[in-house]
PDB file of N, CA and C in Angstrom:
ATOM      1  N   MET A   1     -53.481-193.657  25.527  1.00  0.00           N
ATOM      2  CA  MET A   1     -53.728-192.250  25.735  1.00  0.00           C
ATOM      3  C   MET A   1     -53.628-191.613  24.257  1.00  0.00           C
ATOM      4  N   ILE A   2     -53.016-191.534  23.511  1.00  0.00           N
ATOM      5  CA  ILE A   2     -52.901-190.624  22.159  1.00  0.00           C
ATOM      6  C   ILE A   2     -54.331-190.148  21.711  1.00  0.00           C
ATOM      7  N   TYR A   3     -55.009-191.278  21.479  1.00  0.00           N
ATOM      8  CA  TYR A   3     -56.470-191.116  21.532  1.00  0.00           C
ATOM      9  C   TYR A   3     -57.177-189.470  22.639  1.00  0.00           C
ATOM     10  N   VAL A   4     -56.970-189.449  23.058  1.00  0.00           N
ATOM     11  CA  VAL A   4     -57.227-188.543  24.431  1.00  0.00           C
ATOM     12  C   VAL A   4     -56.507-187.364  23.551  1.00  0.00           C
ATOM     13  N   LEU A   5     -55.352-187.248  24.013  1.00  0.00           N
ATOM     14  CA  LEU A   5     -54.586-186.552  23.246  1.00  0.00           C
ATOM     15  C   LEU A   5     -54.675-185.715  22.293  1.00  0.00           C
ATOM     16  N   VAL A   6     -55.185-186.523  21.486  1.00  0.00           N
ATOM     17  CA  VAL A   6     -55.369-186.179  19.726  1.00  0.00           C
ATOM     18  C   VAL A   6     -57.359-186.108  19.856  1.00  0.00           C
ATOM     19  N   ALA A   7     -58.133-186.175  20.646  1.00  0.00           N
ATOM     20  CA  ALA A   7     -59.442-185.289  20.988  1.00  0.00           C
ATOM     21  C   ALA A   7     -59.141-184.097  21.731  1.00  0.00           C
ATOM     22  N   ILE A   8     -57.949-183.445  22.280  1.00  0.00           N
ATOM     23  CA  ILE A   8     -58.096-182.974  23.132  1.00  0.00           C
ATOM     24  C   ILE A   8     -57.489-181.622  21.873  1.00  0.00           C
ATOM     25  N   LEU A   9     -56.278-182.196  20.776  1.00  0.00           N
ATOM     26  CA  LEU A   9     -55.896-181.195  20.171  1.00  0.00           C
ATOM     27  C   LEU A   9     -57.187-180.683  19.142  1.00  0.00           C
ATOM     28  N   VAL A  10     -58.191-182.186  18.913  1.00  0.00           N
ATOM     29  CA  VAL A  10     -59.625-181.726  17.981  1.00  0.00           C
ATOM     30  C   VAL A  10     -60.180-180.638  18.243  1.00  0.00           C
ATOM     31  N   VAL A  11     -60.303-180.444  19.556  1.00  0.00           N
ATOM     32  CA  VAL A  11     -61.248-179.463  20.343  1.00  0.00           C
ATOM     33  C   VAL A  11     -60.470-178.508  20.411  1.00  0.00           C
ATOM     34  N   TRP A  12     -59.763-178.032  20.834  1.00  0.00           N
ATOM     35  CA  TRP A  12     -58.674-176.725  20.688  1.00  0.00           C
ATOM     36  C   TRP A  12     -58.799-176.822  19.381  1.00  0.00           C
ATOM     37  N   LEU A  13     -58.223-176.963  18.683  1.00  0.00           N
ATOM     38  CA  LEU A  13     -58.650-176.188  17.045  1.00  0.00           C
ATOM     39  C   LEU A  13     -59.599-175.459  16.910  1.00  0.00           C
ATOM     40  N   VAL A  14     -60.946-176.684  16.855  1.00  0.00           N
ATOM     41  CA  VAL A  14     -61.944-175.993  16.665  1.00  0.00           C
ATOM     42  C   VAL A  14     -62.748-174.809  17.694  1.00  0.00           C
ATOM     43  N   CYS A  15     -62.191-174.964  18.984  1.00  0.00           N
ATOM     44  CA  CYS A  15     -62.612-173.778  19.401  1.00  0.00           C
ATOM     45  C   CYS A  15     -60.845-172.304  18.971  1.00  0.00           C
ATOM     46  N   CYS A  16     -60.134-172.627  18.769  1.00  0.00           N
ATOM     47  CA  CYS A  16     -59.288-171.909  17.838  1.00  0.00           C
ATOM     48  C   CYS A  16     -60.147-171.084  16.493  1.00  0.00           C
ATOM     49  N   GLY A  17     -60.789-172.071  15.568  1.00  0.00           N
ATOM     50  CA  GLY A  17     -61.598-171.641  14.664  1.00  0.00           C
ATOM     51  C   GLY A  17     -62.790-171.155  14.812  1.00  0.00           C
ATOM     52  N   TYR A  18     -63.590-171.248  16.051  1.00  0.00           N
ATOM     53  CA  TYR A  18     -64.445-170.669  16.137  1.00  0.00           C
ATOM     54  C   TYR A  18     -63.932-169.040  16.843  1.00  0.00           C
ATOM     55  N   ALA A  19     -63.405-168.945  17.154  1.00  0.00           N
ATOM     56  CA  ALA A  19     -62.638-167.292  17.600  1.00  0.00           C
ATOM     57  C   ALA A  19     -62.587-166.712  16.404  1.00  0.00           C
ATOM     58  N   GLY A  20     -61.876-167.485  15.551  1.00  0.00           N
ATOM     59  CA  GLY A  20     -61.251-166.874  14.442  1.00  0.00           C
ATOM     60  C   GLY A  20     -62.912-166.174  13.483  1.00  0.00           C
ATOM     61  N   TYR A  21     -64.043-167.446  13.299  1.00  0.00           N
ATOM     62  CA  TYR A  21     -64.521-167.660  12.604  1.00  0.00           C
ATOM     63  C   TYR A  21     -65.212-166.318  13.063  1.00  0.00           C
ATOM     64  N   HIS A  22     -65.741-165.860  14.551  1.00  0.00           N
ATOM     65  CA  HIS A  22     -66.680-164.595  15.163  1.00  0.00           C
ATOM     66  C   HIS A  22     -65.810-163.616  15.316  1.00  0.00           C
ATOM     67  N   LYS A  23     -64.075-164.125  15.172  1.00  0.00           N
ATOM     68  CA  LYS A  23     -63.536-162.613  15.242  1.00  0.00           C
ATOM     69  C   LYS A  23     -63.262-162.198  16.291  1.00  0.00           C
ATOM     70  N   ARG A  24     -63.773-163.059  17.626  1.00  0.00           N
ATOM     71  CA  ARG A  24     -63.517-162.918  18.622  1.00  0.00           C
ATOM     72  C   ARG A  24     -61.347-163.116  19.317  1.00  0.00           C
ATOM     73  N   PHE A  25     -61.415-162.183  19.004  1.00  0.00           N
ATOM     74  CA  PHE A  25     -59.695-162.160  19.333  1.00  0.00           C
ATOM     75  C   PHE A  25     -58.872-162.699  20.264  1.00  0.00           C
ATOM     76  N   ILE A  26     -59.789-161.780  21.026  1.00  0.00           N
ATOM     77  CA  ILE A  26     -59.016-162.338  22.911  1.00  0.00           C
ATOM     78  C   ILE A  26     -59.509-163.212  23.292  1.00  0.00           C
ATOM     79  N   LEU A  27     -61.159-163.900  22.393  1.00  0.00           N
ATOM     80  CA  LEU A  27     -61.210-165.198  23.754  1.00  0.00           C
ATOM     81  C   LEU A  27     -60.100-166.007  22.121  1.00  0.00           C
ATOM     82  N   PHE A  28     -59.278-165.983  21.390  1.00  0.00           N
ATOM     83  CA  PHE A  28     -58.192-166.503  20.604  1.00  0.00           C
ATOM     84  C   PHE A  28     -56.989-166.769  21.310  1.00  0.00           C
ATOM     85  N   ALA A  29     -57.017-165.135  22.057  1.00  0.00           N
ATOM     86  CA  ALA A  29     -56.135-165.276  22.483  1.00  0.00           C
ATOM     87  C   ALA A  29     -55.812-166.299  24.042  1.00  0.00           C
ATOM     88  N   GLY A  30     -56.951-166.596  24.478  1.00  0.00           N
ATOM     89  CA  GLY A  30     -56.938-166.946  26.325  1.00  0.00           C
ATOM     90  C   GLY A  30     -57.083-168.418  25.333  1.00  0.00           C
ATOM     91  N   VAL A  31     -57.292-169.069  24.486  1.00  0.00           N
ATOM     92  CA  VAL A  31     -57.906-170.081  24.222  1.00  0.00           C
ATOM     93  C   VAL A  31     -56.137-170.456  23.713  1.00  0.00           C
ATOM     94  N   ALA A  32     -55.459-169.588  23.391  1.00  0.00           N
ATOM     95  CA  ALA A  32     -54.186-170.438  22.455  1.00  0.00           C
ATOM     96  C   ALA A  32     -53.027-170.489  23.600  1.00  0.00           C
ATOM     97  N   LEU A  33     -53.572-168.900  24.431  1.00  0.00           N
ATOM     98  CA  LEU A  33     -52.272-169.214  26.146  1.00  0.00           C
ATOM     99  C   LEU A  33     -52.377-170.438  27.090  1.00  0.00           C
ATOM    100  N   GLY A  34     -53.383-170.927  26.650  1.00  0.00           N
ATOM    101  CA  GLY A  34     -54.445-171.998  27.347  1.00  0.00           C
ATOM    102  C   GLY A  34     -53.781-173.568  27.161  1.00  0.00           C
ATOM    103  N   GLY A  35     -53.757-172.985  25.319  1.00  0.00           N
ATOM    104  CA  GLY A  35     -53.445-174.483  25.001  1.00  0.00           C
ATOM    105  C   GLY A  35     -51.818-174.884  25.062  1.00  0.00           C
ATOM    106  N   MET A  36     -50.966-173.438  24.658  1.00  0.00           N
ATOM    107  CA  MET A  36     -49.626-173.439  24.914  1.00  0.00           C
ATOM    108  C   MET A  36     -49.141-173.825  26.616  1.00  0.00           C
ATOM    109  N   GLY A  37     -50.191-173.306  27.358  1.00  0.00           N
ATOM    110  CA  GLY A  37     -49.707-173.820  29.308  1.00  0.00           C
ATOM    111  C   GLY A  37     -49.668-175.403  29.314  1.00  0.00           C
ATOM    112  N   LEU A  38     -50.618-175.901  28.149  1.00  0.00           N
ATOM    113  CA  LEU A  38     -51.137-176.825  28.930  1.00  0.00           C
ATOM    114  C   LEU A  38     -50.248-178.125  28.026  1.00  0.00           C
ATOM    115  N   ASN A  39     -50.061-177.775  27.118  1.00  0.00           N
ATOM    116  CA  ASN A  39     -48.365-178.088  25.805  1.00  0.00           C
ATOM    117  C   ASN A  39     -47.715-178.395  27.071  1.00  0.00           C
ATOM    118  N   GLY A  40     -47.193-177.309  27.347  1.00  0.00           N
ATOM    119  CA  GLY A  40     -45.414-176.710  28.127  1.00  0.00           C
ATOM    120  C   GLY A  40     -45.890-178.112  28.809  1.00  0.00           C
ATOM    121  N   LEU A  41     -46.902-177.959  30.275  1.00  0.00           N
ATOM    122  CA  LEU A  41     -46.982-179.043  31.231  1.00  0.00           C
ATOM    123  C   LEU A  41     -47.199-180.216  30.613  1.00  0.00           C
ATOM    124  N   TRP A  42     -47.413-180.945  29.949  1.00  0.00           N
ATOM    125  CA  TRP A  42     -47.707-181.827  29.157  1.00  0.00           C
ATOM    126  C   TRP A  42     -46.501-182.605  28.754  1.00  0.00           C
ATOM    127  N   MET A  43     -45.519-181.283  28.731  1.00  0.00           N
ATOM    128  CA  MET A  43     -43.790-181.765  27.725  1.00  0.00           C
ATOM    129  C   MET A  43     -43.234-181.935  29.123  1.00  0.00           C
ATOM    130  N   TYR A  44     -43.641-181.222  30.076  1.00  0.00           N
ATOM    131  CA  TYR A  44     -42.372-181.310  31.436  1.00  0.00           C
ATOM    132  C   TYR A  44     -42.983-182.290  32.125  1.00  0.00           C
ATOM    133  N   PHE A  45     -44.202-181.943  32.628  1.00  0.00           N
ATOM    134  CA  PHE A  45     -44.375-183.841  33.417  1.00  0.00           C
ATOM    135  C   PHE A  45     -44.339-185.047  32.940  1.00  0.00           C
ATOM    136  N   GLY A  46     -45.284-184.700  31.196  1.00  0.00           N
ATOM    137  CA  GLY A  46     -44.852-186.061  30.429  1.00  0.00           C
ATOM    138  C   GLY A  46     -44.255-186.796  30.012  1.00  0.00           C
ATOM    139  N   PHE A  47     -42.945-185.439  29.297  1.00  0.00           N
ATOM    140  CA  PHE A  47     -42.073-186.463  29.218  1.00  0.00           C
ATOM    141  C   PHE A  47     -40.469-185.433  29.314  1.00  0.00           C
ATOM    142  N   ASN A  48     -40.535-185.047  30.499  1.00  0.00           N
ATOM    143  CA  ASN A  48     -39.564-184.775  31.831  1.00  0.00           C
ATOM    144  C   ASN A  48     -38.708-183.948  30.903  1.00  0.00           C
ATOM    145  N   ALA A  49     -39.474-183.008  29.800  1.00  0.00           N
ATOM    146  CA  ALA A  49     -38.437-181.865  28.881  1.00  0.00           C
ATOM    147  C   ALA A  49     -37.812-180.582  29.702  1.00  0.00           C
ATOM    148  N   HIS A  50     -37.419-180.448  29.677  1.00  0.00           N
ATOM    149  CA  HIS A  50     -36.803-178.825  30.314  1.00  0.00           C
ATOM    150  C   HIS A  50     -37.287-177.952  29.195  1.00  0.00           C
ATOM    151  N   PRO A  51     -38.054-176.721  29.817  1.00  0.00           N
ATOM    152  CA  PRO A  51     -39.110-175.973  29.201  1.00  0.00           C
ATOM    153  C   PRO A  51     -38.588-175.429  27.613  1.00  0.00           C
ATOM    154  N   LEU A  52     -36.786-175.094  28.037  1.00  0.00           N
ATOM    155  CA  LEU A  52     -35.926-174.218  26.806  1.00  0.00           C
ATOM    156  C   LEU A  52     -35.183-175.480  26.139  1.00  0.00           C
ATOM    157  N   SER A  53     -35.567-176.339  25.811  1.00  0.00           N
ATOM    158  CA  SER A  53     -34.743-177.470  24.716  1.00  0.00           C
ATOM    159  C   SER A  53     -35.291-177.376  24.054  1.00  0.00           C
ATOM    160  N   PRO A  54     -34.648-177.587  22.952  1.00  0.00           N
ATOM    161  CA  PRO A  54     -35.229-177.389  21.395  1.00  0.00           C
ATOM    162  C   PRO A  54     -36.363-178.532  20.979  1.00  0.00           C
ATOM    163  N   PRO A  55     -36.552-180.032  21.718  1.00  0.00           N
ATOM    164  CA  PRO A  55     -37.893-180.102  21.300  1.00  0.00           C
ATOM    165  C   PRO A  55     -39.029-179.527  21.999  1.00  0.00           C
ATOM    166  N   ALA A  56     -39.084-178.854  22.962  1.00  0.00           N
ATOM    167  CA  ALA A  56     -39.845-178.445  23.777  1.00  0.00           C
ATOM    168  C   ALA A  56     -40.126-177.016  23.020  1.00  0.00           C
ATOM    169  N   VAL A  57     -39.158-175.741  22.515  1.00  0.00           N
ATOM    170  CA  VAL A  57     -39.450-175.361  22.003  1.00  0.00           C
ATOM    171  C   VAL A  57     -39.916-175.462  20.487  1.00  0.00           C
ATOM    172  N   THR A  58     -39.568-176.534  19.686  1.00  0.00           N
ATOM    173  CA  THR A  58     -40.007-176.853  18.927  1.00  0.00           C
ATOM    174  C   THR A  58     -41.763-177.340  19.079  1.00  0.00           C
ATOM    175  N   ALA A  59     -41.651-178.070  19.930  1.00  0.00           N
ATOM    176  CA  ALA A  59     -43.136-178.216  20.310  1.00  0.00           C
ATOM    177  C   ALA A  59     -44.647-177.145  20.662  1.00  0.00           C
ATOM    178  N   GLN A  60     -43.786-176.168  21.683  1.00  0.00           N
ATOM    179  CA  GLN A  60     -44.283-174.564  21.694  1.00  0.00           C
ATOM    180  C   GLN A  60     -44.763-174.032  20.220  1.00  0.00           C
ATOM    181  N   ALA A  61     -43.944-174.003  19.402  1.00  0.00           N
ATOM    182  CA  ALA A  61     -43.671-173.177  17.827  1.00  0.00           C
ATOM    183  C   ALA A  61     -44.847-173.776  16.699  1.00  0.00           C
ATOM    184  N   ALA A  62     -45.184-175.164  17.331  1.00  0.00           N
ATOM    185  CA  ALA A  62     -45.845-175.602  16.236  1.00  0.00           C
ATOM    186  C   ALA A  62     -47.392-175.592  17.045  1.00  0.00           C
ATOM    187  N   VAL A  63     -47.299-175.339  18.394  1.00  0.00           N
ATOM    188  CA  VAL A  63     -48.774-174.959  18.952  1.00  0.00           C
ATOM    189  C   VAL A  63     -49.055-174.106  18.240  1.00  0.00           C
ATOM    190  N   VAL A  64     -48.099-172.690  18.132  1.00  0.00           N
ATOM    191  CA  VAL A  64     -48.523-171.169  17.764  1.00  0.00           C
ATOM    192  C   VAL A  64     -49.113-171.158  16.135  1.00  0.00           C
ATOM    193  N   MET A  65     -48.402-172.336  15.498  1.00  0.00           N
ATOM    194  CA  MET A  65     -48.736-172.695  13.712  1.00  0.00           C
ATOM    195  C   MET A  65     -50.085-172.980  13.833  1.00  0.00           C
ATOM    196  N   TYR A  66     -50.452-173.632  14.859  1.00  0.00           N
ATOM    197  CA  TYR A  66     -51.618-174.758  14.687  1.00  0.00           C
ATOM    198  C   TYR A  66     -52.499-173.921  14.961  1.00  0.00           C
ATOM    199  N   ALA A  67     -52.365-172.834  16.298  1.00  0.00           N
ATOM    200  CA  ALA A  67     -53.470-171.787  16.774  1.00  0.00           C
ATOM    201  C   ALA A  67     -53.798-170.626  15.609  1.00  0.00           C
ATOM    202  N   PHE A  68     -53.004-170.067  15.021  1.00  0.00           N
ATOM    203  CA  PHE A  68     -52.921-169.306  14.112  1.00  0.00           C
ATOM    204  C   PHE A  68     -53.811-169.806  12.788  1.00  0.00           C
ATOM    205  N   SER A  69     -53.243-171.651  12.425  1.00  0.00           N
ATOM    206  CA  SER A  69     -53.977-171.300  10.774  1.00  0.00           C
ATOM    207  C   SER A  69     -55.511-171.818  11.509  1.00  0.00           C
ATOM    208  N   ALA A  70     -55.483-172.682  12.926  1.00  0.00           N
ATOM    209  CA  ALA A  70     -56.835-172.753  13.125  1.00  0.00           C
ATOM    210  C   ALA A  70     -58.031-171.487  12.985  1.00  0.00           C
ATOM    211  N   LEU A  71     -56.940-170.240  13.063  1.00  0.00           N
ATOM    212  CA  LEU A  71     -57.739-168.839  13.240  1.00  0.00           C
ATOM    213  C   LEU A  71     -58.214-168.649  12.076  1.00  0.00           C
ATOM    214  N   GLY A  72     -57.074-168.404  11.229  1.00  0.00           N
ATOM    215  CA  GLY A  72     -56.874-167.972  10.223  1.00  0.00           C
ATOM    216  C   GLY A  72     -57.523-168.670   8.755  1.00  0.00           C
ATOM    217  N   ILE A  73     -57.934-170.131   9.319  1.00  0.00           N
ATOM    218  CA  ILE A  73     -59.402-170.600   8.677  1.00  0.00           C
ATOM    219  C   ILE A  73     -60.987-170.671   9.092  1.00  0.00           C
ATOM    220  N   GLY A  74     -60.638-170.641  10.449  1.00  0.00           N
ATOM    221  CA  GLY A  74     -62.200-170.094  10.745  1.00  0.00           C
ATOM    222  C   GLY A  74     -62.779-168.848  10.210  1.00  0.00           C
ATOM    223  N   TRP A  75     -61.519-167.385  10.283  1.00  0.00           N
ATOM    224  CA  TRP A  75     -62.000-165.990  10.010  1.00  0.00           C
ATOM    225  C   TRP A  75     -62.293-166.564   8.608  1.00  0.00           C
ATOM    226  N   PHE A  76     -61.224-167.203   7.399  1.00  0.00           N
ATOM    227  CA  PHE A  76     -61.902-167.509   6.053  1.00  0.00           C
ATOM    228  C   PHE A  76     -63.265-167.725   6.105  1.00  0.00           C
ATOM    229  N   ALA A  77     -63.325-168.655   7.081  1.00  0.00           N
ATOM    230  CA  ALA A  77     -64.497-169.466   6.255  1.00  0.00           C
ATOM    231  C   ALA A  77     -65.858-168.329   7.368  1.00  0.00           C
ATOM    232  N   GLY A  78     -65.780-167.659   8.082  1.00  0.00           N
ATOM    233  CA  GLY A  78     -66.453-166.517   8.304  1.00  0.00           C
ATOM    234  C   GLY A  78     -66.759-165.585   7.367  1.00  0.00           C
ATOM    235  N   ARG A  79     -65.397-165.204   7.055  1.00  0.00           N
ATOM    236  CA  ARG A  79     -65.695-163.970   5.760  1.00  0.00           C
ATOM    237  C   ARG A  79     -66.137-164.516   4.917  1.00  0.00           C
ATOM    238  N   MET A  80     -66.507-165.678   4.191  1.00  0.00           N
ATOM    239  CA  MET A  80     -67.125-166.659   3.350  1.00  0.00           C
ATOM    240  C   MET A  80     -68.161-166.535   3.386  1.00  0.00           C
ATOM    241  N   VAL A  81     -69.095-167.155   4.963  1.00  0.00           N
ATOM    242  CA  VAL A  81     -70.567-167.144   5.042  1.00  0.00           C
ATOM    243  C   VAL A  81     -71.109-165.747   5.444  1.00  0.00           C
ATOM    244  N   ARG A  82     -70.586-164.856   5.425  1.00  0.00           N
ATOM    245  CA  ARG A  82     -70.991-163.385   6.004  1.00  0.00           C
ATOM    246  C   ARG A  82     -71.141-162.513   4.295  1.00  0.00           C
ATOM    247  N   GLY A  83     -70.242-162.929   3.639  1.00  0.00           N
ATOM    248  CA  GLY A  83     -70.098-162.554   2.103  1.00  0.00           C
ATOM    249  C   GLY A  83     -71.464-163.793   1.541  1.00  0.00           C
ATOM    250  N   PHE A  84     -71.590-164.570   1.571  1.00  0.00           N
ATOM    251  CA  PHE A  84     -72.922-165.227   1.109  1.00  0.00           C
ATOM    252  C   PHE A  84     -74.379-164.264   1.354  1.00  0.00           C
ATOM    253  N   ARG A  85     -73.575-164.691   2.807  1.00  0.00           N
ATOM    254  CA  ARG A  85     -75.349-164.008   3.464  1.00  0.00           C
ATOM    255  C   ARG A  85     -75.553-162.663   2.840  1.00  0.00           C
ATOM    256  N   GLU A  86     -74.456-161.889   2.756  1.00  0.00           N
ATOM    257  CA  GLU A  86     -74.861-160.222   2.486  1.00  0.00           C
ATOM    258  C   GLU A  86     -74.997-160.295   0.979  1.00  0.00           C
ATOM    259  N   SER A  87     -75.108-161.386   0.206  1.00  0.00           N
ATOM    260  CA  SER A  87     -75.512-161.232  -1.480  1.00  0.00           C
ATOM    261  C   SER A  87     -76.403-161.857  -1.763  1.00  0.00           C
ATOM    262  N   ARG A  88     -77.014-162.164  -0.962  1.00  0.00           N
ATOM    263  CA  ARG A  88     -78.093-162.724  -1.014  1.00  0.00           C
ATOM    264  C   ARG A  88     -79.714-162.335  -1.275  1.00  0.00           C
ATOM    265  N   VAL A  89     -80.380-162.451  -2.619  1.00  0.00           N
ATOM    266  CA  VAL A  89     -81.645-162.000  -3.288  1.00  0.00           C
ATOM    267  C   VAL A  89     -82.342-161.874  -2.111  1.00  0.00           C
ATOM    268  N   ASP A  90     -83.088-159.867  -2.776  1.00  0.00           N
ATOM    269  CA  ASP A  90     -84.313-160.040  -1.834  1.00  0.00           C
ATOM    270  C   ASP A  90     -85.303-160.780  -2.706  1.00  0.00           C
ATOM    271  N   PRO A  91     -86.337-160.867  -2.013  1.00  0.00           N
ATOM    272  CA  PRO A  91     -87.135-161.586  -3.109  1.00  0.00           C
ATOM    273  C   PRO A  91     -88.129-160.784  -3.758  1.00  0.00           C
ATOM    274  N   THR A  92     -88.023-159.409  -2.701  1.00  0.00           N
ATOM    275  CA  THR A  92     -89.174-158.569  -3.008  1.00  0.00           C
ATOM    276  C   THR A  92     -88.487-157.036  -3.982  1.00  0.00           C
TER     277      THR A  92
END
């Protein structure tokens, strides 16, 4: 089960990074809110945790930090790629 959860986390982080890479912040908002919702459901049904209990709030804060980190890394990578493409020397 842990492998499935880690795989879902990796796919979710790649989606957040993709949104940052292409500067699609509305897509990022949807992906991030979807991830927070799924995490909340997992905490509630999987661990029987109250949504406002300190461990659940901490887990949701971690989801937010993961999402913004992936967005920032994707945005920075996209900025570097666009910078390299703009600085390409024209052969003519």
